[in-house]
Amino acid sequence: MPKSTPELAAAIDLGSNSFHMIVARIQNGQLAVMDKIRESVRLGSGIDANNAITEATQARALECLKKFGQRLADFPPGSVRAVGTNTLRNASNSEAFLDLAEEALGHPIDIIAGVEEARLIYLGVAHSKAVADRQRLVMDIGGGSTELIIGNDAGPIFMESLEMGCVSITKRFFGNGKISPLKLAKARTFALTELEPHVRKFKKRGWDQAIGASGTIRSVIKVISTAGWDKDHITLAGLQKLITALAEFEHIDQIKLDGLSDERAPVFIGGVVVLLSTFEALNIKQLEVSDRALREGLLHDLLGRLKDEDIRDASINHLAKRYHADRVQAQRVKKTSHYILQQLTNSWGLNFNEADEWLGWASDLHEIGLDIAHNRHNQHGAYIIEHSDLAGFSQFEQRFLAALVLSHRRKLPVKLYKELPKRIYKPVKQLSTILRLAVILHRSRSDVPMPDFSIKMTNKNKIELCLEPEWLSQHPLTQADLEEETTHLESINLELSLC
């Protein structure tokens, strides 16, 4: 079933400082921006002593997402990508908040790892600064983290995500609003310490061009250009003049600089500290400024998925190769999973294309744990998937795929299912059942094609699997496994009968 390309697509970045939304029209495989909305939500500033997002901050965020949701009311599933970054990665109550957030927005929201955030930022910047045969350093200062990426026109080469941003540094060192030379010195020392382990690796790779993205960097270029310290780009000299000017204020509330918006002022000093420290640590000569970043990267990544140029396929292939997966067996399991899915899709109310994609990836990776040990290899495989940096996958998606691989043999992890987000509780059980049956049917690892068989739901909780009696009698191990499977499936309230 071919994928249909929607007329419109949208990307949403739930950042630690601001929420951004961009809407674009898809024309001849290209993106034409139609609308941009930004609200300063200050999610990162609304964290309490228990590392939880406060109720007041949640209310502010949900109100913003309701506005976004109104704009996206007619967008079909799959045409919107919404992601949460540093604050949602770290907050203790992020999953509970996401349930409310998805309801307000009307579309799924994924939390992405720092390295995936870096990849998407690079993708957004690269589409606005394409220069052949040049290596770039891209920097993005967010509210809670700073991403540094080296890459070229082929894509990112090396990426790091550091736990410091304009909101977090401001909150940590200037939390009471007071500014002093000592506080500035401590903040810079902290930032340099965070950068120090990565300096050698970045300098070794080198770059021909440095580009900055994000609200902090765009605000900096406005201020130093207005003051006449720099013009078309940011330099170390211009930043030193800016930090000197900021040091003259005694309190954050007093910061008034030409070119600096009132909205950005409360977290500006933290962002400038991070930027200046990075210039000093990496010996950056000058920084060009891009008006594109994470949300544009999300749109281009979404367009790739819609055009069947999904980076996730490359990530799966890389992992399968790295852990020496048996590709022939994976293809057998994938083909049979596809055949079973065709027969159960309507009964289970599944999106065929989406379910088939996940079953394909799970089939490719279900045996990678064998590269570590045969005993509990499903657990080893699940651990690898959940804790690897897989380009294109959100943390939620990696948990989903890990759950499928974990579930492909032995007892079903019922306790794990109950800990998963509500929206995947049912699909993960359904797809795990299909994968398990496909694995059992290919226990012999034979190249002889499977005979046709049928599988259907006879009622809400009963599956009937009909195999040729002669084939089943010739495969007693498979028959025994299927009979044992009836017991395993009972744990998720499914009854399997053979005919």
Protein backbone atom coordinates (compact mmCIF):
# COMPACT_ATOMS: atom_id res chain seq x y z
CA MET A 1 0.00 0.00 0.00
CA PRO A 2 1.72 3.23 -1.11
CA LYS A 3 1.93 6.13 1.31
CA SER A 4 -0.20 9.15 0.49
CA THR A 5 1.49 12.53 0.71
CA PRO A 6 -0.59 15.18 2.51
CA GLU A 7 -0.97 18.66 1.08
CA LEU A 8 0.20 20.28 4.32
CA ALA A 9 2.72 19.31 6.98
CA ALA A 10 3.63 20.82 10.34
CA ALA A 11 6.48 20.57 12.84
CA ILE A 12 6.40 21.54 16.51
CA ASP A 13 9.36 22.03 18.84
CA LEU A 14 8.48 21.94 22.55
CA GLY A 15 11.66 23.62 23.73
CA SER A 16 12.77 24.47 27.25
CA ASN A 17 12.27 28.18 26.60
CA SER A 18 9.78 28.49 23.74
CA PHE A 19 7.29 26.37 21.81
CA HIS A 20 7.57 26.76 18.04
CA MET A 21 5.28 25.60 15.23
CA ILE A 22 5.88 25.80 11.50
CA VAL A 23 3.35 24.88 8.84
CA ALA A 24 4.35 24.20 5.24
CA ARG A 25 2.70 23.24 1.98
CA ILE A 26 4.21 20.25 0.15
CA GLN A 27 4.58 21.18 -3.53
CA ASN A 28 6.33 18.83 -5.96
CA GLY A 29 8.22 17.21 -3.13
CA GLN A 30 9.38 20.56 -1.73
CA LEU A 31 8.33 22.57 1.34
CA ALA A 32 6.86 26.06 1.13
CA VAL A 33 6.45 27.67 4.56
CA MET A 34 2.98 29.10 5.14
CA ASP A 35 2.80 29.87 8.83
CA LYS A 36 5.01 30.18 11.91
CA ILE A 37 3.84 30.52 15.51
CA ARG A 38 6.05 30.94 18.57
CA GLU A 39 5.19 31.32 22.26
CA SER A 40 7.51 31.81 25.21
CA VAL A 41 6.38 29.07 27.59
CA ARG A 42 9.52 28.84 29.79
CA LEU A 43 9.09 25.15 30.46
CA GLY A 44 12.64 24.90 31.80
CA SER A 45 12.03 27.64 34.35
CA GLY A 46 8.97 25.87 35.73
CA ILE A 47 10.71 22.90 37.36
CA ASP A 48 10.25 22.37 41.10
CA ALA A 49 12.57 20.84 43.72
CA ASN A 50 11.40 17.34 42.74
CA ASN A 51 12.40 17.93 39.11
CA ALA A 52 8.74 18.03 38.10
CA ILE A 53 7.01 20.53 35.82
CA THR A 54 4.84 22.71 38.05
CA GLU A 55 1.08 22.89 37.57
CA ALA A 56 1.26 26.56 36.62
CA THR A 57 3.86 25.84 33.94
CA GLN A 58 1.84 22.89 32.65
CA ALA A 59 -1.25 25.11 32.38
CA ARG A 60 0.75 27.68 30.37
CA ALA A 61 2.12 24.97 28.08
CA LEU A 62 -1.26 23.31 27.53
CA GLU A 63 -2.87 26.63 26.67
CA CYS A 64 -0.22 27.14 24.00
CA LEU A 65 -0.71 23.63 22.61
CA LYS A 66 -4.48 24.16 22.40
CA LYS A 67 -3.79 27.16 20.13
CA PHE A 68 -1.46 25.05 18.01
CA GLY A 69 -4.09 22.30 17.97
CA GLN A 70 -6.70 24.68 16.63
CA ARG A 71 -4.40 25.48 13.69
CA LEU A 72 -3.83 21.76 13.07
CA ALA A 73 -7.43 20.58 13.54
CA ASP A 74 -7.79 19.33 9.95
CA PHE A 75 -4.33 17.82 9.57
CA PRO A 76 -4.43 14.04 8.98
CA PRO A 77 -2.40 11.57 11.07
CA GLY A 78 1.23 11.41 9.97
CA SER A 79 1.35 15.00 8.71
CA VAL A 80 2.48 16.51 12.04
CA ARG A 81 5.73 15.89 13.93
CA ALA A 82 5.92 17.27 17.45
CA VAL A 83 8.93 16.71 19.69
CA GLY A 84 9.99 17.56 23.23
CA THR A 85 13.61 18.34 24.05
CA ASN A 86 15.78 18.82 27.15
CA THR A 87 13.21 19.69 29.83
CA LEU A 88 10.83 16.93 28.76
CA ARG A 89 13.75 14.50 28.56
CA ASN A 90 14.62 15.17 32.20
CA ALA A 91 11.41 16.11 34.03
CA SER A 92 10.16 13.44 36.45
CA ASN A 93 6.53 13.88 35.38
CA SER A 94 7.06 14.27 31.63
CA GLU A 95 5.04 11.16 30.68
CA ALA A 96 2.01 12.29 32.65
CA PHE A 97 2.31 15.75 31.13
CA LEU A 98 2.59 14.29 27.62
CA ASP A 99 -0.79 12.58 27.97
CA LEU A 100 -2.37 15.98 28.59
CA ALA A 101 -0.23 17.66 25.95
CA GLU A 102 -1.19 15.19 23.22
CA GLU A 103 -4.86 15.66 24.07
CA ALA A 104 -4.48 19.44 23.82
CA LEU A 105 -2.56 19.29 20.54
CA GLY A 106 -4.54 16.49 18.93
CA HIS A 107 -1.39 14.79 17.61
CA PRO A 108 1.33 12.53 19.07
CA ILE A 109 4.34 14.12 20.79
CA ASP A 110 7.70 12.36 20.98
CA ILE A 111 10.65 13.08 23.26
CA ILE A 112 13.93 12.97 21.35
CA ALA A 113 17.41 12.31 22.69
CA GLY A 114 20.04 15.04 22.59
CA VAL A 115 21.95 13.46 19.71
CA GLU A 116 18.76 13.12 17.65
CA GLU A 117 17.97 16.76 18.40
CA ALA A 118 21.45 17.64 17.10
CA ARG A 119 20.89 15.66 13.89
CA LEU A 120 17.59 17.41 13.20
CA ILE A 121 19.08 20.84 13.93
CA TYR A 122 21.85 20.13 11.44
CA LEU A 123 19.30 18.99 8.87
CA GLY A 124 17.38 22.26 9.25
CA VAL A 125 20.47 24.48 9.07
CA ALA A 126 22.05 22.55 6.19
CA HIS A 127 19.04 23.16 3.95
CA SER A 128 19.55 26.91 4.34
CA LYS A 129 23.37 26.92 4.13
CA ALA A 130 24.28 24.37 1.46
CA VAL A 131 27.91 24.93 0.43
CA ALA A 132 29.63 22.15 -1.52
CA ASP A 133 32.87 20.59 -0.26
CA ARG A 134 32.92 22.51 3.01
CA GLN A 135 32.82 21.14 6.53
CA ARG A 136 30.58 23.00 8.99
CA LEU A 137 30.36 23.43 12.72
CA VAL A 138 26.72 24.03 13.70
CA MET A 139 25.79 25.29 17.15
CA ASP A 140 22.34 25.61 18.68
CA ILE A 141 21.77 27.01 22.19
CA GLY A 142 18.41 25.88 23.50
CA GLY A 143 16.78 26.50 26.83
CA GLY A 144 18.18 23.43 28.54
CA SER A 145 20.88 22.07 26.25
CA THR A 146 23.41 23.11 23.64
CA GLU A 147 23.95 21.02 20.52
CA LEU A 148 27.25 21.01 18.62
CA ILE A 149 27.51 19.26 15.26
CA ILE A 150 30.20 18.88 12.61
CA GLY A 151 29.00 17.85 9.16
CA ASN A 152 29.00 18.47 5.45
CA ASP A 153 26.46 18.42 2.63
CA ALA A 154 26.13 14.64 3.04
CA GLY A 155 24.95 15.07 6.65
CA PRO A 156 26.26 15.21 10.23
CA ILE A 157 29.59 13.54 11.00
CA PHE A 158 30.01 14.13 14.73
CA MET A 159 27.45 15.35 17.29
CA GLU A 160 27.27 16.20 20.99
CA SER A 161 24.48 17.49 23.23
CA LEU A 162 25.62 19.35 26.36
CA GLU A 163 23.48 19.87 29.46
CA MET A 164 23.56 23.66 29.46
CA GLY A 165 21.33 26.26 27.83
CA CYS A 166 20.08 29.81 28.22
CA VAL A 167 17.38 28.89 30.74
CA SER A 168 19.36 26.35 32.76
CA ILE A 169 22.48 28.54 33.09
CA THR A 170 20.42 31.62 33.98
CA LYS A 171 18.43 29.64 36.56
CA ARG A 172 21.52 28.00 38.07
CA PHE A 173 23.81 31.02 38.41
CA PHE A 174 21.45 34.01 38.34
CA GLY A 175 18.38 32.45 39.93
CA ASN A 176 17.74 35.39 42.25
CA GLY A 177 18.18 37.82 39.37
CA LYS A 178 21.37 39.38 40.72
CA ILE A 179 24.36 39.85 38.41
CA SER A 180 27.93 40.13 39.68
CA PRO A 181 31.47 39.55 38.34
CA LEU A 182 31.77 36.51 40.62
CA LYS A 183 28.54 34.94 39.32
CA LEU A 184 29.58 35.56 35.72
CA ALA A 185 32.98 33.98 36.39
CA LYS A 186 31.37 30.89 37.99
CA ALA A 187 28.92 30.52 35.11
CA ARG A 188 31.72 30.73 32.53
CA THR A 189 33.85 28.25 34.46
CA PHE A 190 30.95 25.80 34.57
CA ALA A 191 30.33 26.15 30.82
CA LEU A 192 34.01 25.69 29.99
CA THR A 193 34.12 22.62 32.22
CA GLU A 194 31.15 21.12 30.37
CA LEU A 195 32.87 21.79 27.05
CA GLU A 196 36.34 20.59 28.02
CA PRO A 197 35.85 16.81 27.41
CA HIS A 198 34.71 17.51 23.84
CA VAL A 199 37.16 20.18 22.72
CA ARG A 200 39.87 17.87 21.36
CA LYS A 201 37.39 15.78 19.35
CA PHE A 202 35.87 18.85 17.67
CA LYS A 203 39.19 20.54 16.95
CA LYS A 204 40.60 17.30 15.51
CA ARG A 205 37.78 17.11 12.94
CA GLY A 206 37.93 20.81 12.14
CA TRP A 207 35.56 22.96 10.08
CA ASP A 208 35.58 25.57 7.34
CA GLN A 209 32.44 27.39 8.39
CA ALA A 210 30.71 27.91 11.76
CA ILE A 211 26.94 28.48 11.85
CA GLY A 212 24.73 29.31 14.80
CA ALA A 213 21.01 28.72 15.20
CA SER A 214 18.40 29.38 17.91
CA GLY A 215 16.77 32.37 19.57
CA THR A 216 19.80 33.17 21.74
CA ILE A 217 22.17 33.43 18.78
CA ARG A 218 19.70 35.43 16.69
CA SER A 219 19.22 37.80 19.64
CA VAL A 220 22.98 38.18 20.05
CA ILE A 221 23.52 39.18 16.41
CA LYS A 222 20.73 41.77 16.70
CA VAL A 223 22.26 43.34 19.83
CA ILE A 224 25.88 43.45 18.66
CA SER A 225 24.89 44.66 15.17
CA THR A 226 22.78 47.45 16.65
CA ALA A 227 25.68 48.43 18.89
CA GLY A 228 28.10 48.37 15.95
CA TRP A 229 30.37 45.70 17.49
CA ASP A 230 29.78 43.18 14.67
CA LYS A 231 27.83 43.37 11.46
CA ASP A 232 27.02 40.23 9.49
CA HIS A 233 28.39 37.63 11.87
CA ILE A 234 29.38 37.11 15.51
CA THR A 235 33.02 37.36 16.62
CA LEU A 236 34.83 36.83 19.92
CA ALA A 237 35.55 40.55 20.17
CA GLY A 238 31.87 41.36 19.79
CA LEU A 239 30.89 38.80 22.44
CA GLN A 240 33.46 40.16 24.89
CA LYS A 241 31.99 43.64 24.51
CA LEU A 242 28.51 42.20 25.03
CA ILE A 243 29.43 40.34 28.25
CA THR A 244 31.10 43.52 29.53
CA ALA A 245 27.89 45.44 28.86
CA LEU A 246 25.82 42.79 30.67
CA ALA A 247 28.18 42.92 33.68
CA GLU A 248 27.27 46.57 34.18
CA PHE A 249 23.71 45.60 35.15
CA GLU A 250 23.12 44.60 38.76
CA HIS A 251 19.91 42.66 38.12
CA ILE A 252 18.39 40.74 35.20
CA ASP A 253 15.28 42.93 35.39
CA GLN A 254 17.48 45.94 34.56
CA ILE A 255 18.86 44.48 31.32
CA LYS A 256 17.92 46.83 28.49
CA LEU A 257 19.89 46.57 25.27
CA ASP A 258 18.96 47.90 21.85
CA GLY A 259 17.88 44.98 19.70
CA LEU A 260 17.00 42.73 22.67
CA SER A 261 13.32 41.89 23.13
CA ASP A 262 11.69 42.05 26.56
CA GLU A 263 10.69 38.41 26.11
CA ARG A 264 14.29 37.23 25.58
CA ALA A 265 15.90 39.44 28.25
CA PRO A 266 15.20 37.20 31.32
CA VAL A 267 17.30 34.31 29.93
CA PHE A 268 19.70 36.25 27.70
CA ILE A 269 22.66 36.33 30.06
CA GLY A 270 22.76 32.52 30.37
CA GLY A 271 22.78 32.12 26.60
CA VAL A 272 25.55 34.68 26.14
CA VAL A 273 27.70 32.87 28.72
CA VAL A 274 27.29 29.59 26.81
CA LEU A 275 28.05 31.24 23.47
CA LEU A 276 31.13 33.10 24.71
CA SER A 277 32.49 30.01 26.47
CA THR A 278 32.06 27.92 23.31
CA PHE A 279 33.88 30.55 21.24
CA GLU A 280 36.76 30.47 23.72
CA ALA A 281 36.91 26.68 24.13
CA LEU A 282 36.74 25.84 20.41
CA ASN A 283 38.63 28.92 19.22
CA ILE A 284 35.80 29.94 16.88
CA LYS A 285 36.83 32.89 14.70
CA GLN A 286 33.39 33.94 13.52
CA LEU A 287 29.87 32.56 13.52
CA GLU A 288 27.31 33.00 10.77
CA VAL A 289 23.67 33.02 11.87
CA SER A 290 20.95 30.78 10.41
CA ASP A 291 17.24 31.49 10.74
CA ARG A 292 16.48 27.75 10.54
CA ALA A 293 16.89 25.12 13.23
CA LEU A 294 15.12 22.12 14.80
CA ARG A 295 11.58 22.69 13.50
CA GLU A 296 12.79 23.05 9.89
CA GLY A 297 14.84 19.89 10.37
CA LEU A 298 11.72 18.11 11.61
CA LEU A 299 9.83 19.15 8.48
CA HIS A 300 12.56 17.91 6.14
CA ASP A 301 12.80 14.65 8.10
CA LEU A 302 9.01 14.22 7.86
CA LEU A 303 9.16 14.89 4.11
CA GLY A 304 11.79 12.17 3.81
CA ARG A 305 9.49 9.70 5.57
CA LEU A 306 6.61 10.60 3.28
CA LYS A 307 8.85 10.09 0.22
CA ASP A 308 10.11 6.70 1.48
CA GLU A 309 13.53 8.18 2.23
CA ASP A 310 13.33 7.40 5.93
CA ILE A 311 16.62 7.74 7.85
CA ARG A 312 15.26 5.15 10.27
CA ASP A 313 15.72 2.45 7.61
CA ALA A 314 19.43 3.26 7.46
CA SER A 315 19.66 3.11 11.28
CA ILE A 316 18.05 -0.35 11.32
CA ASN A 317 20.36 -1.63 8.58
CA HIS A 318 23.40 -0.30 10.41
CA LEU A 319 22.40 -1.95 13.68
CA ALA A 320 21.60 -5.27 11.98
CA LYS A 321 25.00 -5.23 10.28
CA ARG A 322 26.87 -4.20 13.42
CA TYR A 323 25.43 -7.10 15.43
CA HIS A 324 25.68 -9.64 12.60
CA ALA A 325 21.96 -10.37 12.29
CA ASP A 326 20.99 -13.31 10.07
CA ARG A 327 19.48 -11.34 7.18
CA VAL A 328 18.02 -14.43 5.49
CA GLN A 329 16.12 -15.47 8.62
CA ALA A 330 15.03 -11.88 9.16
CA GLN A 331 13.54 -11.83 5.65
CA ARG A 332 11.65 -15.05 6.32
CA VAL A 333 10.15 -13.64 9.51
CA LYS A 334 9.41 -10.29 7.84
CA LYS A 335 7.58 -11.91 4.92
CA THR A 336 5.40 -14.04 7.19
CA SER A 337 4.73 -11.12 9.58
CA HIS A 338 3.53 -9.14 6.55
CA TYR A 339 1.24 -12.03 5.51
CA ILE A 340 -0.26 -12.36 9.00
CA LEU A 341 -0.73 -8.59 9.27
CA GLN A 342 -2.65 -8.53 5.99
CA GLN A 343 -5.17 -10.95 7.49
CA LEU A 344 -5.51 -9.27 10.92
CA THR A 345 -5.29 -5.55 10.05
CA ASN A 346 -9.00 -4.93 9.75
CA SER A 347 -9.97 -7.02 12.78
CA TRP A 348 -7.47 -5.19 14.97
CA GLY A 349 -8.03 -1.73 13.49
CA LEU A 350 -4.36 -1.26 12.61
CA ASN A 351 -2.83 1.23 10.17
CA PHE A 352 -1.35 -1.30 7.74
CA ASN A 353 1.58 0.76 6.41
CA GLU A 354 2.63 1.86 9.88
CA ALA A 355 2.29 -1.60 11.44
CA ASP A 356 4.11 -3.24 8.53
CA GLU A 357 7.00 -0.82 8.93
CA TRP A 358 7.41 -1.62 12.62
CA LEU A 359 7.13 -5.36 12.05
CA GLY A 360 9.76 -5.09 9.34
CA TRP A 361 12.19 -3.31 11.63
CA ALA A 362 11.51 -5.72 14.50
CA SER A 363 12.07 -8.68 12.15
CA ASP A 364 15.40 -7.22 11.04
CA LEU A 365 16.59 -6.80 14.63
CA HIS A 366 14.88 -9.58 16.59
CA GLU A 367 18.02 -11.72 16.77
CA ILE A 368 20.75 -9.08 17.25
CA GLY A 369 21.06 -10.12 20.90
CA LEU A 370 22.58 -13.43 19.71
CA ASP A 371 25.78 -11.49 19.05
CA ILE A 372 26.11 -11.18 22.84
CA ALA A 373 24.74 -14.53 24.03
CA HIS A 374 22.06 -17.04 23.10
CA ASN A 375 20.69 -17.12 26.62
CA ARG A 376 18.14 -14.28 26.99
CA HIS A 377 19.11 -12.90 23.60
CA ASN A 378 15.72 -11.17 23.31
CA GLN A 379 16.62 -9.14 26.43
CA HIS A 380 20.07 -8.30 25.08
CA GLY A 381 18.55 -7.17 21.78
CA ALA A 382 15.94 -5.01 23.48
CA TYR A 383 18.61 -3.34 25.63
CA ILE A 384 20.76 -2.54 22.58
CA ILE A 385 17.82 -0.99 20.75
CA GLU A 386 16.59 1.12 23.65
CA HIS A 387 20.01 2.49 24.57
CA SER A 388 21.63 3.05 21.16
CA ASP A 389 21.67 6.36 19.33
CA LEU A 390 19.39 5.52 16.40
CA ALA A 391 19.10 8.39 13.93
CA GLY A 392 15.50 9.25 13.14
CA PHE A 393 14.00 7.49 16.17
CA SER A 394 12.52 9.24 19.19
CA GLN A 395 12.99 7.79 22.68
CA PHE A 396 9.36 6.62 22.54
CA GLU A 397 9.92 4.86 19.21
CA GLN A 398 13.03 3.11 20.50
CA ARG A 399 11.09 1.88 23.54
CA PHE A 400 8.36 0.60 21.23
CA LEU A 401 10.80 -1.27 19.00
CA ALA A 402 12.69 -2.63 22.01
CA ALA A 403 9.41 -3.91 23.46
CA LEU A 404 8.66 -5.80 20.23
CA VAL A 405 12.09 -7.43 20.16
CA LEU A 406 11.87 -8.31 23.85
CA SER A 407 8.48 -9.92 23.23
CA HIS A 408 9.40 -12.15 20.30
CA ARG A 409 10.08 -15.25 22.45
CA ARG A 410 9.51 -16.79 25.87
CA LYS A 411 7.04 -15.23 28.30
CA LEU A 412 5.40 -11.96 27.32
CA PRO A 413 6.60 -8.96 29.39
CA VAL A 414 3.15 -8.01 30.67
CA LYS A 415 4.54 -5.76 33.42
CA LEU A 416 6.52 -3.77 30.83
CA TYR A 417 3.44 -3.29 28.67
CA LYS A 418 1.61 -1.65 31.56
CA GLU A 419 4.49 0.83 31.98
CA LEU A 420 4.36 1.94 28.34
CA PRO A 421 2.46 5.07 27.22
CA LYS A 422 -1.27 4.46 26.81
CA ARG A 423 -1.27 4.99 23.06
CA ILE A 424 1.01 2.01 22.39
CA TYR A 425 -0.27 -0.41 25.04
CA LYS A 426 -2.64 -2.11 22.61
CA PRO A 427 -0.52 -1.94 19.38
CA VAL A 428 2.57 -3.38 21.08
CA LYS A 429 0.60 -6.43 22.21
CA GLN A 430 -0.90 -6.91 18.76
CA LEU A 431 2.35 -6.55 16.83
CA SER A 432 4.22 -8.69 19.35
CA THR A 433 1.69 -11.48 18.77
CA ILE A 434 2.21 -11.32 15.01
CA LEU A 435 6.00 -11.30 15.37
CA ARG A 436 5.94 -14.23 17.79
CA LEU A 437 3.85 -16.36 15.43
CA ALA A 438 6.11 -15.54 12.48
CA VAL A 439 9.20 -16.50 14.50
CA ILE A 440 7.61 -19.80 15.57
CA LEU A 441 6.60 -20.69 12.00
CA HIS A 442 10.24 -20.27 10.93
CA ARG A 443 11.82 -22.11 13.84
CA SER A 444 13.39 -24.61 11.41
CA ARG A 445 15.11 -21.75 9.47
CA SER A 446 14.30 -23.64 6.27
CA ASP A 447 14.47 -22.12 2.79
CA VAL A 448 11.45 -24.17 1.74
CA PRO A 449 8.54 -21.70 1.34
CA MET A 450 5.73 -21.83 3.87
CA PRO A 451 2.44 -23.21 2.51
CA ASP A 452 -0.52 -20.85 2.52
CA PHE A 453 -2.28 -20.58 5.83
CA SER A 454 -5.08 -18.51 7.28
CA ILE A 455 -5.39 -16.59 10.51
CA LYS A 456 -8.38 -14.66 11.77
CA MET A 457 -10.10 -13.30 14.83
CA THR A 458 -13.16 -15.39 15.57
CA ASN A 459 -14.20 -13.05 18.37
CA LYS A 460 -12.69 -10.16 20.34
CA ASN A 461 -10.07 -12.27 22.13
CA LYS A 462 -9.72 -15.43 20.04
CA ILE A 463 -7.29 -16.08 17.15
CA GLU A 464 -7.76 -19.07 14.89
CA LEU A 465 -4.67 -20.25 12.96
CA CYS A 466 -5.25 -22.81 10.22
CA LEU A 467 -2.23 -24.67 8.81
CA GLU A 468 -2.10 -27.63 6.44
CA PRO A 469 -2.27 -30.75 8.65
CA GLU A 470 0.42 -32.52 6.61
CA TRP A 471 2.85 -29.60 6.96
CA LEU A 472 2.20 -29.37 10.69
CA SER A 473 2.79 -33.10 11.18
CA GLN A 474 6.12 -32.76 9.36
CA HIS A 475 7.16 -29.98 11.74
CA PRO A 476 6.57 -31.37 15.25
CA LEU A 477 8.81 -28.72 16.88
CA THR A 478 6.70 -25.95 15.38
CA GLN A 479 3.53 -27.71 16.49
CA ALA A 480 4.87 -27.99 20.04
CA ASP A 481 5.86 -24.31 20.03
CA LEU A 482 2.39 -23.27 18.85
CA GLU A 483 0.75 -25.33 21.57
CA GLU A 484 3.02 -23.68 24.16
CA GLU A 485 2.19 -20.30 22.66
CA THR A 486 -1.45 -20.73 23.59
CA THR A 487 -0.35 -20.52 27.24
CA HIS A 488 1.85 -17.46 26.68
CA LEU A 489 -0.88 -15.51 24.89
CA GLU A 490 -3.31 -16.11 27.73
CA SER A 491 -1.26 -13.61 29.76
CA ILE A 492 -2.47 -10.83 27.43
CA ASN A 493 -6.03 -12.18 27.28
CA LEU A 494 -5.71 -13.79 23.83
CA GLU A 495 -6.81 -17.31 23.02
CA LEU A 496 -5.00 -19.12 20.19
CA SER A 497 -6.58 -22.15 18.58
CA LEU A 498 -5.17 -24.34 15.78
CA CYS A 499 -7.21 -25.90 13.00
